[in-house]
Amino acid sequence: MNALWLARLALGACAALSASIFAPAHAQSDLAKAFAPIGTLRVGVLMVTYFALPDPVGELAGVVPDLGRELARRLGVPAQLVRFENPIAVIEAFRKGELDATFIGITADRAAAFDFGPVVLDLQTTYLVPAASAIQRIEDIDRPDVRLLVPARSAQEAFLKKTIAKATMISVAVENPRQAVEKLGAGEADAFSHVVPMLVSAQAALPGSRILPGSYYNVPIAIGYAKERPSAVAAYAKEFAEDVKKSGFLR
């Protein structure tokens, strides 16, 4: 009786061990196929300095590459980081079925092309003004005589269109500050709106220019994923976003 009981116990233990090992593997495999159907996670990387930069050997470094690689690692698939010069190109790639995921600011036109999960971080937004400007505060911007440079089709542009009533908004490239710097330097504009890291890079090219203190809008940067994927993708995107925030991965 004791030998029979021990045999049954051993068989039960083996079955339990087998279930604990193989069931999650199957589940993870199904999730990986749902998130990355071709077996590689194609991550769209918007090439702005505060998201990603090439390192000395040409590999991408920065918050978005780090998030993309970590998502792929957890899914158990390779990561392919696909570079894009502007948000419009990211939208078109999703529409063509060329991307699986990205990390980018939330806007209505982007949400029409791919789905968003939770926010993973936010970026403060304010204004850069030339050295001789009389503008001292964020509240001074919305005046009839102010010509405001705003990054085209960006999250902050969408916000400013709802809140700016008097200033004149002029669209400039979102991906780098060169156009805005040229217009400010030539006296063709009075202020430049962007996220703080971009304003810092612009400030270096405009001696004496000032970044106004505070933030008028914190741009939400969220995980994005292709539409019409199984519901498990949305659920895992939420889990991933929450975990990278809680774990301090983004510090």
Protein backbone atom coordinates (compact mmCIF):
# COMPACT_ATOMS: atom_id res chain seq x y z
CA MET A 1 0.00 0.00 0.00
CA ASN A 2 2.77 2.44 0.91
CA ALA A 3 4.63 1.72 -2.34
CA LEU A 4 1.46 2.22 -4.40
CA TRP A 5 0.66 5.47 -2.58
CA LEU A 6 4.21 6.76 -3.15
CA ALA A 7 4.00 5.88 -6.84
CA ARG A 8 0.74 7.77 -7.21
CA LEU A 9 2.21 10.73 -5.33
CA ALA A 10 5.24 10.77 -7.60
CA LEU A 11 3.07 10.64 -10.73
CA GLY A 12 0.96 13.50 -9.40
CA ALA A 13 4.00 15.58 -8.67
CA CYS A 14 5.37 14.98 -12.18
CA ALA A 15 2.05 15.98 -13.72
CA ALA A 16 1.94 19.15 -11.65
CA LEU A 17 5.53 20.00 -12.57
CA SER A 18 4.81 19.39 -16.23
CA ALA A 19 1.80 21.68 -16.12
CA SER A 20 3.74 24.43 -14.38
CA ILE A 21 6.50 24.27 -16.98
CA PHE A 22 4.63 23.80 -20.21
CA ALA A 23 1.34 25.67 -19.76
CA PRO A 24 2.95 29.09 -19.35
CA ALA A 25 5.26 28.36 -22.29
CA HIS A 26 2.27 27.63 -24.53
CA ALA A 27 0.51 30.75 -23.26
CA GLN A 28 3.61 32.87 -23.85
CA SER A 29 3.99 31.42 -27.35
CA ASP A 30 0.38 32.27 -28.18
CA LEU A 31 0.88 35.79 -26.85
CA ALA A 32 4.07 36.24 -28.86
CA LYS A 33 2.27 35.14 -32.03
CA ALA A 34 -0.55 37.57 -31.32
CA PHE A 35 1.82 40.49 -30.68
CA ALA A 36 4.43 39.61 -33.31
CA PRO A 37 2.82 37.42 -36.01
CA ILE A 38 5.97 37.16 -38.15
CA GLY A 39 8.07 35.99 -35.18
CA THR A 40 9.92 39.30 -34.77
CA LEU A 41 8.55 42.29 -32.88
CA ARG A 42 8.68 45.23 -35.28
CA VAL A 43 8.92 48.36 -33.12
CA GLY A 44 8.48 51.80 -34.66
CA VAL A 45 11.03 54.29 -33.30
CA LEU A 46 10.40 57.98 -33.91
CA MET A 47 13.88 59.45 -34.35
CA VAL A 48 13.72 62.45 -32.06
CA THR A 49 16.55 63.05 -29.62
CA TYR A 50 14.47 62.48 -26.50
CA PHE A 51 13.30 59.07 -27.79
CA ALA A 52 16.30 57.56 -29.55
CA LEU A 53 19.82 58.27 -30.82
CA PRO A 54 22.36 56.07 -32.62
CA ASP A 55 25.29 55.05 -30.43
CA PRO A 56 28.91 55.08 -31.74
CA VAL A 57 28.42 51.77 -33.58
CA GLY A 58 25.06 52.73 -35.07
CA GLU A 59 22.80 50.85 -32.66
CA LEU A 60 19.83 52.73 -31.26
CA ALA A 61 19.95 53.86 -27.63
CA GLY A 62 17.29 55.68 -25.65
CA VAL A 63 13.98 55.21 -23.93
CA VAL A 64 11.99 53.88 -26.92
CA PRO A 65 14.64 51.36 -28.05
CA ASP A 66 14.97 50.20 -24.43
CA LEU A 67 11.20 49.72 -24.13
CA GLY A 68 10.97 47.95 -27.48
CA ARG A 69 13.78 45.54 -26.66
CA GLU A 70 12.32 44.83 -23.23
CA LEU A 71 8.87 44.11 -24.65
CA ALA A 72 10.40 41.72 -27.19
CA ARG A 73 12.50 40.03 -24.51
CA ARG A 74 9.45 39.38 -22.35
CA LEU A 75 7.56 38.02 -25.34
CA GLY A 76 10.48 35.76 -26.18
CA VAL A 77 11.02 37.10 -29.72
CA PRO A 78 13.71 39.19 -31.44
CA ALA A 79 13.21 42.95 -31.67
CA GLN A 80 13.47 44.84 -34.95
CA LEU A 81 13.77 48.57 -34.32
CA VAL A 82 12.43 50.43 -37.35
CA ARG A 83 13.47 54.08 -37.63
CA PHE A 84 11.09 56.83 -38.70
CA GLU A 85 11.84 60.51 -39.22
CA ASN A 86 8.33 61.78 -38.42
CA PRO A 87 5.05 60.61 -36.88
CA ILE A 88 3.25 60.53 -40.25
CA ALA A 89 5.61 57.78 -41.42
CA VAL A 90 4.84 55.76 -38.27
CA ILE A 91 1.12 56.06 -39.00
CA GLU A 92 1.57 54.90 -42.60
CA ALA A 93 3.69 51.92 -41.53
CA PHE A 94 0.95 50.72 -39.18
CA ARG A 95 -1.66 51.15 -41.91
CA LYS A 96 0.45 48.99 -44.23
CA GLY A 97 0.85 46.28 -41.58
CA GLU A 98 4.59 46.89 -41.25
CA LEU A 99 4.71 47.48 -37.49
CA ASP A 100 3.61 45.62 -34.35
CA ALA A 101 4.31 48.17 -31.62
CA THR A 102 5.63 51.62 -30.81
CA PHE A 103 5.93 54.09 -27.94
CA ILE A 104 4.77 57.56 -28.91
CA GLY A 105 2.59 60.51 -27.92
CA ILE A 106 -1.17 60.02 -28.17
CA THR A 107 -3.00 61.92 -30.92
CA ALA A 108 -6.31 61.33 -32.69
CA ASP A 109 -4.76 60.61 -36.11
CA ARG A 110 -2.39 58.06 -34.58
CA ALA A 111 -5.20 56.39 -32.65
CA ALA A 112 -7.05 56.00 -35.95
CA ALA A 113 -4.14 53.97 -37.37
CA PHE A 114 -3.15 51.89 -34.31
CA ASP A 115 -4.40 51.23 -30.81
CA PHE A 116 -2.97 52.71 -27.64
CA GLY A 117 -2.44 51.06 -24.28
CA PRO A 118 -1.64 52.87 -21.03
CA VAL A 119 0.76 55.78 -20.75
CA VAL A 120 4.31 54.74 -19.83
CA LEU A 121 5.71 58.24 -19.20
CA ASP A 122 4.93 61.87 -19.85
CA LEU A 123 7.03 64.80 -21.03
CA GLN A 124 6.66 68.36 -19.84
CA THR A 125 5.92 70.96 -22.50
CA THR A 126 6.65 74.69 -22.40
CA TYR A 127 8.06 77.47 -24.60
CA LEU A 128 11.42 78.78 -25.76
CA VAL A 129 11.69 82.53 -26.34
CA PRO A 130 14.57 84.64 -27.76
CA ALA A 131 16.88 86.59 -25.48
CA ALA A 132 15.21 89.95 -26.16
CA SER A 133 11.67 88.68 -25.62
CA ALA A 134 9.47 90.38 -23.03
CA ILE A 135 7.60 87.11 -22.47
CA GLN A 136 8.36 85.79 -19.00
CA ARG A 137 5.61 83.28 -18.20
CA ILE A 138 3.57 80.60 -19.93
CA GLU A 139 0.50 82.75 -19.31
CA ASP A 140 2.01 85.53 -21.48
CA ILE A 141 1.97 83.45 -24.65
CA ASP A 142 -1.68 83.70 -25.70
CA ARG A 143 -1.70 87.27 -26.99
CA PRO A 144 -2.65 88.66 -30.41
CA ASP A 145 0.90 89.82 -31.16
CA VAL A 146 2.57 86.45 -30.45
CA ARG A 147 3.64 84.19 -33.33
CA LEU A 148 3.94 80.71 -31.88
CA LEU A 149 5.87 77.87 -33.52
CA VAL A 150 4.19 74.52 -32.92
CA PRO A 151 5.37 71.02 -33.99
CA ALA A 152 3.07 69.77 -36.73
CA ARG A 153 0.62 66.93 -36.00
CA SER A 154 1.97 66.53 -32.48
CA ALA A 155 0.19 65.92 -29.19
CA GLN A 156 0.99 69.45 -28.06
CA GLU A 157 -0.37 70.93 -31.30
CA ALA A 158 -3.66 69.10 -30.71
CA PHE A 159 -3.76 70.51 -27.17
CA LEU A 160 -2.86 74.06 -28.20
CA LYS A 161 -5.54 74.15 -30.91
CA LYS A 162 -8.07 73.71 -28.11
CA THR A 163 -6.54 76.25 -25.73
CA ILE A 164 -4.83 79.04 -27.71
CA ALA A 165 -7.35 81.73 -28.62
CA LYS A 166 -5.29 84.83 -29.54
CA ALA A 167 -1.75 83.90 -30.56
CA THR A 168 -1.00 82.90 -34.16
CA MET A 169 0.22 79.30 -34.46
CA ILE A 170 2.76 78.38 -37.15
CA SER A 171 3.50 74.70 -37.87
CA VAL A 172 7.11 73.52 -37.94
CA ALA A 173 8.79 70.12 -38.14
CA VAL A 174 8.24 67.94 -35.10
CA GLU A 175 11.37 65.79 -35.40
CA ASN A 176 14.08 68.44 -34.91
CA PRO A 177 14.28 72.12 -33.89
CA ARG A 178 16.24 73.43 -36.88
CA GLN A 179 13.31 75.11 -38.62
CA ALA A 180 12.10 76.69 -35.38
CA VAL A 181 15.58 77.94 -34.51
CA GLU A 182 15.92 79.57 -37.93
CA LYS A 183 12.57 81.35 -37.63
CA LEU A 184 13.26 82.57 -34.11
CA GLY A 185 16.72 83.74 -35.10
CA ALA A 186 15.34 85.61 -38.12
CA GLY A 187 12.67 87.35 -36.05
CA GLU A 188 9.88 85.48 -37.87
CA ALA A 189 8.41 84.07 -34.65
CA ASP A 190 8.19 84.95 -30.97
CA ALA A 191 8.12 81.57 -29.22
CA PHE A 192 8.63 77.86 -29.87
CA SER A 193 6.52 75.19 -28.19
CA HIS A 194 7.84 71.66 -27.68
CA VAL A 195 8.69 69.13 -25.01
CA VAL A 196 11.45 70.31 -22.68
CA PRO A 197 14.23 68.01 -24.02
CA MET A 198 13.71 69.38 -27.54
CA LEU A 199 13.70 72.96 -26.26
CA VAL A 200 17.00 72.34 -24.47
CA SER A 201 18.60 71.27 -27.76
CA ALA A 202 17.14 74.31 -29.53
CA GLN A 203 18.31 76.66 -26.80
CA ALA A 204 21.94 75.74 -27.46
CA ALA A 205 21.63 77.24 -30.95
CA LEU A 206 20.07 80.50 -29.72
CA PRO A 207 22.41 82.32 -27.30
CA GLY A 208 20.54 83.99 -24.47
CA SER A 209 17.22 82.31 -25.25
CA ARG A 210 15.08 81.22 -22.33
CA ILE A 211 12.88 78.22 -21.55
CA LEU A 212 9.81 79.40 -19.67
CA PRO A 213 9.39 77.68 -16.29
CA GLY A 214 6.60 75.20 -15.73
CA SER A 215 4.61 73.02 -18.11
CA TYR A 216 1.39 73.88 -19.88
CA TYR A 217 0.77 70.24 -20.88
CA ASN A 218 2.39 66.92 -20.07
CA VAL A 219 2.52 64.91 -23.31
CA PRO A 220 1.40 61.31 -22.65
CA ILE A 221 3.75 58.76 -24.20
CA ALA A 222 1.97 55.41 -24.47
CA ILE A 223 2.50 51.94 -25.85
CA GLY A 224 0.89 51.55 -29.26
CA TYR A 225 0.11 48.29 -31.06
CA ALA A 226 -1.42 47.19 -34.33
CA LYS A 227 -5.19 47.14 -34.66
CA GLU A 228 -7.27 43.97 -34.98
CA ARG A 229 -4.94 41.89 -32.84
CA PRO A 230 -6.36 39.41 -30.29
CA SER A 231 -7.59 40.82 -27.00
CA ALA A 232 -4.58 39.26 -25.26
CA VAL A 233 -2.40 41.94 -26.91
CA ALA A 234 -4.31 44.79 -25.27
CA ALA A 235 -4.26 42.99 -21.92
CA TYR A 236 -0.52 42.40 -22.07
CA ALA A 237 0.20 45.94 -23.26
CA LYS A 238 -1.56 47.17 -20.13
CA GLU A 239 0.38 44.75 -17.94
CA PHE A 240 3.69 45.72 -19.54
CA ALA A 241 3.08 49.46 -19.22
CA GLU A 242 2.10 49.19 -15.60
CA ASP A 243 5.09 47.00 -14.77
CA VAL A 244 7.76 49.21 -16.38
CA LYS A 245 6.39 52.17 -14.44
CA LYS A 246 6.22 50.35 -11.09
CA SER A 247 9.56 48.58 -11.46
CA GLY A 248 11.54 51.75 -12.16
CA PHE A 249 12.64 50.44 -15.58
CA LEU A 250 12.34 53.94 -17.05
CA ARG A 251 14.53 55.68 -14.50
